[in-house]
N, C-alpha and C. Protein backbone atom coordinates (compact mmCIF):
# COMPACT_ATOMS: atom_id res chain seq x y z
N MET A 1 25.38 133.65 210.50
CA MET A 1 25.28 133.12 209.29
C MET A 1 25.69 134.05 208.19
N SER A 2 26.28 133.70 207.19
CA SER A 2 26.60 134.63 206.15
C SER A 2 26.16 134.04 204.76
N ALA A 3 26.12 134.96 203.78
CA ALA A 3 25.62 134.59 202.54
C ALA A 3 26.70 133.68 201.90
N LEU A 4 27.86 133.72 202.36
CA LEU A 4 29.11 132.86 201.93
C LEU A 4 28.76 131.45 202.23
N ASP A 5 28.27 131.30 203.52
CA ASP A 5 27.92 129.89 203.99
C ASP A 5 26.99 129.23 203.03
N LYS A 6 25.91 129.99 202.67
CA LYS A 6 24.79 129.48 201.70
C LYS A 6 25.36 129.21 200.38
N VAL A 7 26.21 130.03 199.89
CA VAL A 7 26.86 129.82 198.54
C VAL A 7 27.73 128.57 198.63
N GLU A 8 28.50 128.32 199.68
CA GLU A 8 29.32 127.04 199.83
C GLU A 8 28.49 125.88 199.87
N ILE A 9 27.34 126.00 200.56
CA ILE A 9 26.44 124.78 200.75
C ILE A 9 25.79 124.42 199.35
N ILE A 10 25.23 125.50 198.69
CA ILE A 10 24.70 125.21 197.38
C ILE A 10 25.66 124.67 196.43
N GLU A 11 26.93 125.15 196.52
CA GLU A 11 28.01 124.64 195.61
C GLU A 11 28.20 123.20 195.87
N ILE A 12 28.20 122.71 197.05
CA ILE A 12 28.56 121.25 197.27
C ILE A 12 27.26 120.39 196.80
N MET A 13 26.03 120.97 197.05
CA MET A 13 24.79 120.34 196.58
C MET A 13 24.89 120.14 195.04
N ASN A 14 25.35 121.12 194.35
CA ASN A 14 25.44 121.10 192.91
C ASN A 14 26.61 120.15 192.40
N LEU A 15 27.70 120.20 193.17
CA LEU A 15 28.78 119.32 192.96
C LEU A 15 28.37 117.83 192.96
N TYR A 16 27.45 117.61 193.73
CA TYR A 16 26.96 116.11 193.86
C TYR A 16 26.53 115.64 192.54
N GLY A 17 25.74 116.37 191.88
CA GLY A 17 25.14 116.00 190.52
C GLY A 17 26.38 115.83 189.58
N PHE A 18 27.27 116.74 189.56
CA PHE A 18 28.40 116.65 188.64
C PHE A 18 29.24 115.38 189.03
N ALA A 19 29.53 115.12 190.24
CA ALA A 19 30.30 114.01 190.67
C ALA A 19 29.68 112.69 190.20
N LEU A 20 28.37 112.54 190.41
CA LEU A 20 27.59 111.45 189.95
C LEU A 20 27.92 111.22 188.32
N ASP A 21 27.61 112.32 187.53
CA ASP A 21 27.53 112.14 186.16
C ASP A 21 28.97 111.95 185.56
N ALA A 22 29.92 112.59 186.25
CA ALA A 22 31.30 112.33 185.81
C ALA A 22 31.88 111.08 186.30
N ARG A 23 31.17 110.40 187.20
CA ARG A 23 31.56 109.18 187.84
C ARG A 23 32.96 109.37 188.62
N ALA A 24 32.96 110.63 189.19
CA ALA A 24 34.21 111.04 190.05
C ALA A 24 33.93 110.80 191.50
N TRP A 25 33.95 109.50 191.90
CA TRP A 25 33.58 109.23 193.28
C TRP A 25 34.37 109.92 194.21
N ASP A 26 35.67 110.23 194.00
CA ASP A 26 36.64 110.91 194.81
C ASP A 26 36.02 112.31 195.25
N LEU A 27 35.11 112.88 194.42
CA LEU A 27 34.54 114.21 194.73
C LEU A 27 33.55 114.05 195.94
N PHE A 28 33.08 112.90 196.03
CA PHE A 28 32.10 112.72 197.25
C PHE A 28 32.90 113.16 198.65
N ASP A 29 34.15 113.09 198.61
CA ASP A 29 34.92 113.49 199.84
C ASP A 29 34.79 114.95 200.05
N LEU A 30 34.46 115.79 198.91
CA LEU A 30 34.23 117.18 199.11
C LEU A 30 32.82 117.49 199.44
N ILE A 31 31.89 116.52 199.50
CA ILE A 31 30.43 116.70 199.60
C ILE A 31 29.95 116.25 200.97
N PHE A 32 30.36 115.04 201.38
CA PHE A 32 29.82 114.35 202.53
C PHE A 32 30.85 114.16 203.66
N THR A 33 30.36 113.95 204.89
CA THR A 33 31.20 113.61 206.01
C THR A 33 31.62 112.20 205.87
N GLU A 34 32.69 111.77 206.61
CA GLU A 34 33.05 110.32 206.61
C GLU A 34 32.02 109.42 207.13
N ASP A 35 31.23 109.99 208.08
CA ASP A 35 30.24 109.08 208.72
C ASP A 35 28.74 109.47 208.17
N VAL A 36 28.72 109.85 206.99
CA VAL A 36 27.40 110.26 206.28
C VAL A 36 26.29 109.11 206.50
N GLU A 37 25.13 109.57 206.63
CA GLU A 37 23.97 108.67 206.58
C GLU A 37 23.25 109.11 205.32
N ALA A 38 23.03 108.21 204.47
CA ALA A 38 22.42 108.58 203.23
C ALA A 38 21.23 107.55 203.04
N VAL A 39 19.98 108.08 202.99
CA VAL A 39 18.84 107.31 202.91
C VAL A 39 18.17 107.63 201.64
N PHE A 40 18.18 106.65 200.65
CA PHE A 40 17.69 106.99 199.33
C PHE A 40 16.39 106.09 199.02
N GLY A 41 15.35 106.68 199.06
CA GLY A 41 14.04 105.90 198.70
C GLY A 41 14.15 105.42 197.39
N PRO A 42 14.54 106.22 196.31
CA PRO A 42 14.46 105.63 194.92
C PRO A 42 15.48 104.40 194.82
N ALA A 43 16.42 104.35 195.64
CA ALA A 43 17.44 103.24 195.51
C ALA A 43 16.96 102.06 196.44
N GLY A 44 15.97 102.37 197.23
CA GLY A 44 15.53 101.33 198.21
C GLY A 44 16.62 100.91 199.13
N ALA A 45 17.49 101.97 199.51
CA ALA A 45 18.65 101.55 200.32
C ALA A 45 19.11 102.72 201.16
N GLY A 46 20.00 102.37 202.14
CA GLY A 46 20.50 103.47 203.05
C GLY A 46 21.93 103.05 203.32
N TRP A 47 22.82 104.09 203.45
CA TRP A 47 24.17 103.72 203.69
C TRP A 47 24.71 104.48 204.87
N HIS A 48 25.59 103.89 205.62
CA HIS A 48 26.24 104.55 206.81
C HIS A 48 27.78 104.53 206.45
N GLY A 49 28.20 105.72 206.30
CA GLY A 49 29.70 105.83 206.00
C GLY A 49 29.97 106.08 204.56
N LEU A 50 30.94 106.98 204.31
CA LEU A 50 31.29 107.50 203.00
C LEU A 50 31.67 106.36 202.09
N GLU A 51 32.67 105.47 202.55
CA GLU A 51 33.28 104.51 201.67
C GLU A 51 32.22 103.50 201.15
N GLU A 52 31.30 103.14 202.03
CA GLU A 52 30.32 102.13 201.58
C GLU A 52 29.30 102.91 200.53
N PHE A 53 28.94 104.10 200.78
CA PHE A 53 28.13 104.93 199.96
C PHE A 53 28.71 105.06 198.54
N LYS A 54 30.11 105.46 198.58
CA LYS A 54 30.67 105.63 197.22
C LYS A 54 30.76 104.35 196.59
N ALA A 55 31.09 103.15 197.11
CA ALA A 55 31.32 101.96 196.50
C ALA A 55 29.93 101.52 195.90
N SER A 56 28.90 101.61 196.54
CA SER A 56 27.67 101.31 196.16
C SER A 56 27.09 102.06 194.84
N PHE A 57 27.33 103.47 195.05
CA PHE A 57 26.99 104.21 193.88
C PHE A 57 27.86 103.91 192.65
N GLU A 58 29.06 103.70 192.76
CA GLU A 58 30.01 103.38 191.71
C GLU A 58 29.34 102.09 190.96
N MET A 59 29.13 101.14 191.92
CA MET A 59 28.70 99.87 191.46
C MET A 59 27.33 100.00 190.69
N PHE A 60 26.35 100.76 191.12
CA PHE A 60 25.11 101.03 190.46
C PHE A 60 25.28 101.75 189.20
N HIS A 61 25.98 102.90 189.18
CA HIS A 61 26.10 103.78 188.01
C HIS A 61 26.95 103.14 186.96
N LYS A 62 27.71 102.10 187.31
CA LYS A 62 28.51 101.34 186.26
C LYS A 62 27.63 100.64 185.40
N MET A 63 26.49 100.21 185.76
CA MET A 63 25.47 99.48 185.02
C MET A 63 24.92 100.35 184.00
N LEU A 64 24.91 101.59 184.09
CA LEU A 64 24.20 102.53 183.20
C LEU A 64 25.15 103.00 182.00
N ASP A 65 24.61 103.26 180.90
CA ASP A 65 25.42 103.96 179.86
C ASP A 65 25.61 105.41 180.01
N SER A 66 24.59 106.03 180.61
CA SER A 66 24.73 107.41 180.90
C SER A 66 23.70 107.88 181.98
N HIS A 67 23.97 109.01 182.47
CA HIS A 67 22.86 109.48 183.52
C HIS A 67 23.14 111.12 183.61
N GLN A 68 22.10 111.76 183.97
CA GLN A 68 22.18 113.15 184.24
C GLN A 68 21.36 113.59 185.39
N HIS A 69 22.01 114.11 186.30
CA HIS A 69 21.27 114.63 187.60
C HIS A 69 21.28 116.00 187.62
N THR A 70 20.14 116.62 187.80
CA THR A 70 20.00 118.04 187.91
C THR A 70 19.44 118.50 189.35
N MET A 71 20.16 119.36 189.85
CA MET A 71 19.81 119.93 191.32
C MET A 71 19.33 121.35 191.07
N MET A 72 18.23 121.57 191.77
CA MET A 72 17.66 122.93 191.62
C MET A 72 16.71 123.30 192.83
N GLY A 73 16.35 124.50 192.96
CA GLY A 73 15.38 125.07 193.96
C GLY A 73 15.97 124.93 195.33
N HIS A 74 17.27 125.22 195.51
CA HIS A 74 17.90 125.13 196.78
C HIS A 74 17.49 126.13 197.74
N VAL A 75 17.20 125.67 198.95
CA VAL A 75 16.95 126.61 200.09
C VAL A 75 17.82 126.19 201.17
N VAL A 76 18.44 127.05 202.00
CA VAL A 76 19.40 126.78 203.00
C VAL A 76 19.08 127.58 204.22
N HIS A 77 19.19 126.91 205.38
CA HIS A 77 19.13 127.50 206.67
C HIS A 77 20.37 127.17 207.45
N VAL A 78 21.04 128.25 207.97
CA VAL A 78 22.35 127.97 208.64
C VAL A 78 22.09 128.50 210.08
N ASP A 79 22.65 127.56 210.93
CA ASP A 79 22.45 127.93 212.38
C ASP A 79 23.81 127.54 213.00
N GLY A 80 24.82 128.47 213.01
CA GLY A 80 26.08 128.23 213.58
C GLY A 80 26.92 127.44 212.69
N ASP A 81 27.29 126.28 213.20
CA ASP A 81 28.07 125.25 212.50
C ASP A 81 27.23 124.15 211.93
N LYS A 82 25.99 124.31 211.94
CA LYS A 82 25.11 123.27 211.43
C LYS A 82 24.13 124.01 210.45
N ALA A 83 23.63 123.19 209.58
CA ALA A 83 22.76 123.89 208.54
C ALA A 83 21.74 122.66 208.00
N ASN A 84 20.65 123.18 207.51
CA ASN A 84 19.69 122.32 206.79
C ASN A 84 19.52 122.92 205.43
N ALA A 85 19.33 122.00 204.48
CA ALA A 85 19.18 122.44 203.10
C ALA A 85 18.09 121.50 202.43
N PHE A 86 17.34 122.03 201.50
CA PHE A 86 16.31 121.40 200.78
C PHE A 86 16.48 121.67 199.24
N SER A 87 16.50 120.69 198.40
CA SER A 87 16.59 120.94 196.95
C SER A 87 15.70 119.76 196.21
N TYR A 88 15.47 120.11 194.98
CA TYR A 88 14.76 119.28 194.10
C TYR A 88 15.81 118.61 193.18
N GLY A 89 15.44 117.52 192.58
CA GLY A 89 16.29 116.76 191.59
C GLY A 89 15.43 116.15 190.58
N ASN A 90 16.21 116.05 189.45
CA ASN A 90 15.81 115.18 188.29
C ASN A 90 16.91 114.26 187.92
N TRP A 91 16.52 113.06 187.69
CA TRP A 91 17.55 111.97 187.50
C TRP A 91 17.12 111.20 186.20
N LEU A 92 17.94 111.42 185.14
CA LEU A 92 17.77 110.73 183.87
C LEU A 92 18.76 109.58 183.86
N LEU A 93 18.17 108.39 183.75
CA LEU A 93 19.09 107.22 183.74
C LEU A 93 19.01 106.47 182.38
N VAL A 94 20.10 106.23 181.81
CA VAL A 94 20.06 105.57 180.42
C VAL A 94 20.66 104.23 180.45
N ARG A 95 20.05 103.21 180.01
CA ARG A 95 20.68 101.84 179.89
C ARG A 95 20.29 101.35 178.51
N ASN A 96 21.10 101.39 177.57
CA ASN A 96 20.54 101.04 176.17
C ASN A 96 20.10 99.59 175.99
N ALA A 97 20.67 98.68 176.86
CA ALA A 97 20.31 97.37 176.68
C ALA A 97 19.01 96.95 177.44
N ALA A 98 18.30 97.91 178.08
CA ALA A 98 17.20 97.70 178.80
C ALA A 98 16.04 97.30 177.93
N GLU A 99 15.53 96.01 178.24
CA GLU A 99 14.27 95.60 177.52
C GLU A 99 13.13 96.53 177.84
N GLY A 100 12.43 97.07 176.84
CA GLY A 100 11.39 98.04 176.94
C GLY A 100 11.72 99.45 176.82
N GLY A 101 13.01 99.76 176.55
CA GLY A 101 13.41 101.19 176.28
C GLY A 101 14.57 101.60 177.22
N PRO A 102 15.31 102.46 176.71
CA PRO A 102 16.56 102.78 177.54
C PRO A 102 16.50 103.92 178.50
N ASN A 103 15.34 104.47 178.71
CA ASN A 103 15.32 105.72 179.61
C ASN A 103 14.39 105.52 180.81
N TRP A 104 14.78 106.06 181.92
CA TRP A 104 13.97 106.21 183.08
C TRP A 104 14.22 107.72 183.66
N LEU A 105 13.21 108.44 183.98
CA LEU A 105 13.36 109.74 184.44
C LEU A 105 12.61 109.82 185.86
N GLY A 106 13.33 110.12 186.89
CA GLY A 106 12.80 110.40 188.19
C GLY A 106 12.96 111.70 188.57
N THR A 107 12.01 112.15 189.37
CA THR A 107 11.93 113.56 190.02
C THR A 107 11.67 113.35 191.57
N GLY A 108 12.22 114.22 192.33
CA GLY A 108 12.17 114.12 193.69
C GLY A 108 12.87 115.22 194.59
N TRP A 109 13.21 114.92 195.73
CA TRP A 109 13.88 115.93 196.48
C TRP A 109 14.91 115.39 197.44
N TYR A 110 15.76 116.27 197.95
CA TYR A 110 16.77 115.92 198.88
C TYR A 110 16.57 116.90 200.19
N ASP A 111 16.54 116.19 201.42
CA ASP A 111 16.43 116.94 202.59
C ASP A 111 17.76 116.68 203.31
N ASP A 112 18.58 117.65 203.44
CA ASP A 112 19.96 117.61 203.93
C ASP A 112 20.24 118.16 205.30
N GLU A 113 21.12 117.48 206.02
CA GLU A 113 21.65 118.10 207.24
C GLU A 113 23.18 118.19 207.07
N LEU A 114 23.74 119.42 207.34
CA LEU A 114 25.09 119.65 207.01
C LEU A 114 25.80 120.09 208.32
N VAL A 115 27.12 119.94 208.38
CA VAL A 115 27.94 120.44 209.45
C VAL A 115 29.12 121.12 208.78
N ARG A 116 29.64 122.19 209.59
CA ARG A 116 30.82 122.86 209.16
C ARG A 116 32.05 122.05 209.65
N THR A 117 33.00 121.73 208.77
CA THR A 117 34.15 120.95 209.23
C THR A 117 35.35 121.87 208.98
N ALA A 118 36.57 121.29 209.37
CA ALA A 118 37.85 122.11 209.05
C ALA A 118 38.06 122.25 207.60
N LYS A 119 37.32 121.38 206.81
CA LYS A 119 37.52 121.42 205.39
C LYS A 119 36.30 122.12 204.60
N GLY A 120 35.45 122.72 205.39
CA GLY A 120 34.25 123.31 204.71
C GLY A 120 32.95 122.56 205.05
N TRP A 121 31.94 123.04 204.60
CA TRP A 121 30.61 122.39 204.78
C TRP A 121 30.59 121.06 204.10
N ARG A 122 29.88 119.98 204.81
CA ARG A 122 29.74 118.67 204.35
C ARG A 122 28.39 118.25 204.66
N ILE A 123 27.76 117.44 203.88
CA ILE A 123 26.45 116.78 204.08
C ILE A 123 26.66 115.71 205.11
N LYS A 124 26.12 115.68 206.24
CA LYS A 124 26.19 114.71 207.36
C LYS A 124 25.02 113.66 207.08
N LYS A 125 23.82 114.21 206.70
CA LYS A 125 22.75 113.21 206.53
C LYS A 125 21.99 113.74 205.34
N ARG A 126 21.68 112.78 204.37
CA ARG A 126 20.90 113.14 203.12
C ARG A 126 19.73 112.09 203.01
N VAL A 127 18.48 112.69 202.94
CA VAL A 127 17.29 111.86 202.70
C VAL A 127 16.80 112.27 201.28
N CYS A 128 16.72 111.20 200.47
CA CYS A 128 16.27 111.49 199.03
C CYS A 128 14.93 110.74 198.88
N ARG A 129 13.96 111.41 198.29
CA ARG A 129 12.63 110.87 198.15
C ARG A 129 12.21 111.07 196.64
N LEU A 130 11.51 110.01 196.08
CA LEU A 130 11.06 110.04 194.76
C LEU A 130 9.66 110.75 194.73
N GLN A 131 9.42 111.72 193.91
CA GLN A 131 8.09 112.30 193.82
C GLN A 131 7.35 111.67 192.55
N GLY A 132 8.00 111.41 191.62
CA GLY A 132 7.45 110.84 190.43
C GLY A 132 8.39 110.18 189.48
N TRP A 133 7.97 109.45 188.50
CA TRP A 133 8.89 108.86 187.54
C TRP A 133 8.09 108.53 186.25
N THR A 134 8.85 108.46 185.26
CA THR A 134 8.30 108.00 183.96
C THR A 134 9.38 107.13 183.18
N GLY A 135 8.98 106.47 182.24
CA GLY A 135 9.88 105.49 181.53
C GLY A 135 9.91 104.12 181.87
N ASN A 136 11.00 103.48 181.63
CA ASN A 136 11.20 102.01 181.82
C ASN A 136 11.73 101.71 183.13
N PRO A 137 10.95 101.08 184.03
CA PRO A 137 11.48 100.78 185.44
C PRO A 137 12.46 99.81 185.41
N LEU A 138 12.81 98.98 184.34
CA LEU A 138 13.99 98.05 184.25
C LEU A 138 15.34 98.80 184.07
N VAL A 139 15.27 100.07 183.69
CA VAL A 139 16.60 100.79 183.60
C VAL A 139 17.34 100.88 184.87
N PRO A 140 16.65 101.27 185.98
CA PRO A 140 17.42 101.41 187.23
C PRO A 140 17.53 100.06 188.03
N GLU A 141 16.84 99.07 187.50
CA GLU A 141 16.91 97.81 188.29
C GLU A 141 16.86 96.54 187.34
N PRO A 142 18.03 96.54 186.52
CA PRO A 142 18.04 95.46 185.52
C PRO A 142 18.08 94.08 186.14
N LYS A 143 18.60 93.83 187.26
CA LYS A 143 18.61 92.51 187.89
C LYS A 143 17.83 92.57 189.19
N ARG A 144 17.09 93.66 189.41
CA ARG A 144 16.31 93.90 190.68
C ARG A 144 17.09 93.73 191.98
N GLU A 145 18.40 93.85 191.89
CA GLU A 145 19.29 93.60 193.10
C GLU A 145 19.14 94.77 194.07
N HIS A 146 18.86 95.92 193.59
CA HIS A 146 18.85 97.14 194.41
C HIS A 146 17.44 97.38 195.12
N GLN A 147 16.45 96.62 194.58
CA GLN A 147 15.13 96.74 195.01
C GLN A 147 14.70 98.23 195.13
N PRO A 148 14.71 98.97 194.09
CA PRO A 148 14.34 100.44 194.16
C PRO A 148 12.90 100.58 194.59
N ASP A 149 12.60 101.61 195.35
CA ASP A 149 11.25 101.94 195.91
C ASP A 149 10.74 102.87 194.88
N MET A 150 9.84 102.43 194.03
CA MET A 150 9.24 103.35 193.01
C MET A 150 7.95 103.97 193.42
N LYS A 151 7.74 103.87 194.79
CA LYS A 151 6.50 104.54 195.39
C LYS A 151 6.85 105.99 195.30
N THR A 152 5.81 106.75 194.87
CA THR A 152 5.99 108.19 194.82
C THR A 152 5.72 108.89 196.15
N ASN A 153 6.23 109.95 196.53
CA ASN A 153 6.09 110.64 197.78
C ASN A 153 5.59 111.96 197.48
N VAL A 154 4.71 112.48 198.35
CA VAL A 154 4.08 113.79 198.18
C VAL A 154 4.65 114.65 199.32
N LEU A 155 5.28 115.78 198.92
CA LEU A 155 6.04 116.63 199.85
C LEU A 155 5.11 117.14 200.97
N ASN A 156 3.95 117.73 200.60
CA ASN A 156 3.13 118.31 201.65
C ASN A 156 2.75 117.22 202.69
N GLU A 157 2.58 116.01 202.23
CA GLU A 157 2.34 114.86 203.18
C GLU A 157 3.40 114.71 204.16
N HIS A 158 4.68 114.68 203.66
CA HIS A 158 5.83 114.49 204.49
C HIS A 158 6.09 115.73 205.51
N CYS A 159 5.66 116.86 205.05
CA CYS A 159 5.81 118.05 205.83
C CYS A 159 4.73 117.92 207.00
N ALA A 160 3.43 117.57 206.66
CA ALA A 160 2.37 117.37 207.67
C ALA A 160 2.79 116.34 208.63
N ASP A 161 3.52 115.32 208.22
CA ASP A 161 3.90 114.30 209.20
C ASP A 161 5.18 114.52 210.00
N GLY A 162 5.84 115.71 209.80
CA GLY A 162 6.94 116.19 210.44
C GLY A 162 8.23 115.45 210.02
N LYS A 163 8.24 115.00 208.74
CA LYS A 163 9.44 114.29 208.28
C LYS A 163 10.43 115.09 207.58
N ILE A 164 10.28 116.24 207.34
CA ILE A 164 11.20 117.31 206.58
C ILE A 164 11.97 118.09 207.63
N GLU A 165 13.27 117.63 207.64
CA GLU A 165 14.11 118.31 208.78
C GLU A 165 14.44 119.82 208.35
N PHE A 166 14.45 120.21 207.05
CA PHE A 166 14.58 121.55 206.69
C PHE A 166 13.51 122.44 207.29
N LEU A 167 12.19 121.91 207.17
CA LEU A 167 11.06 122.80 207.59
C LEU A 167 11.03 122.79 209.10
N LYS A 168 11.46 121.71 209.76
CA LYS A 168 11.60 121.77 211.19
C LYS A 168 12.64 122.88 211.67
N ALA A 169 13.78 122.94 210.92
CA ALA A 169 14.83 123.96 211.26
C ALA A 169 14.38 125.35 211.02
N ILE A 170 13.64 125.63 209.87
CA ILE A 170 13.20 127.02 209.74
C ILE A 170 12.08 127.46 210.63
N ARG A 171 11.35 126.56 211.06
CA ARG A 171 10.20 126.88 211.97
C ARG A 171 10.79 127.08 213.39
N ALA A 172 11.95 126.47 213.72
CA ALA A 172 12.54 126.68 215.11
C ALA A 172 13.19 127.95 215.26
N LYS A 173 13.52 128.66 214.31
CA LYS A 173 14.33 129.86 214.42
C LYS A 173 13.68 130.99 215.22
């Protein structure tokens, strides 16, 4: 394991927020594997495969006037050509036409499994959980077609239940 591995992993974790907010879906190719499994509680959905993931995110974010995703608090554990990473996120979604106000702010975390590929580190599995939210719940679900899960999750409960892969990885070393 090298410090460079950790820097590269944190860079792609941060690139994710930029790719979303720039709506530069092609950048997902630099972040995720082709066979990515993405399980997003706040979206109430999961995706298998990069093309399906990109298409769904493009469709959803197109409904919004603006959004800002902040990634922070990164911790990374590298074990050869595999790695686990954990980070926190804030997601501000803005839809000006939303009845009841234009803003929704969610906070939560990402629990990632990564692999080293010929093109660098890529996220193979991402689990996203909502810790809390405020604002207008109609902003992220104007037609309720995505069925977002607005249930909040408590990290220490997920840890106690053995659901956090990053924690399992650092305890196994």
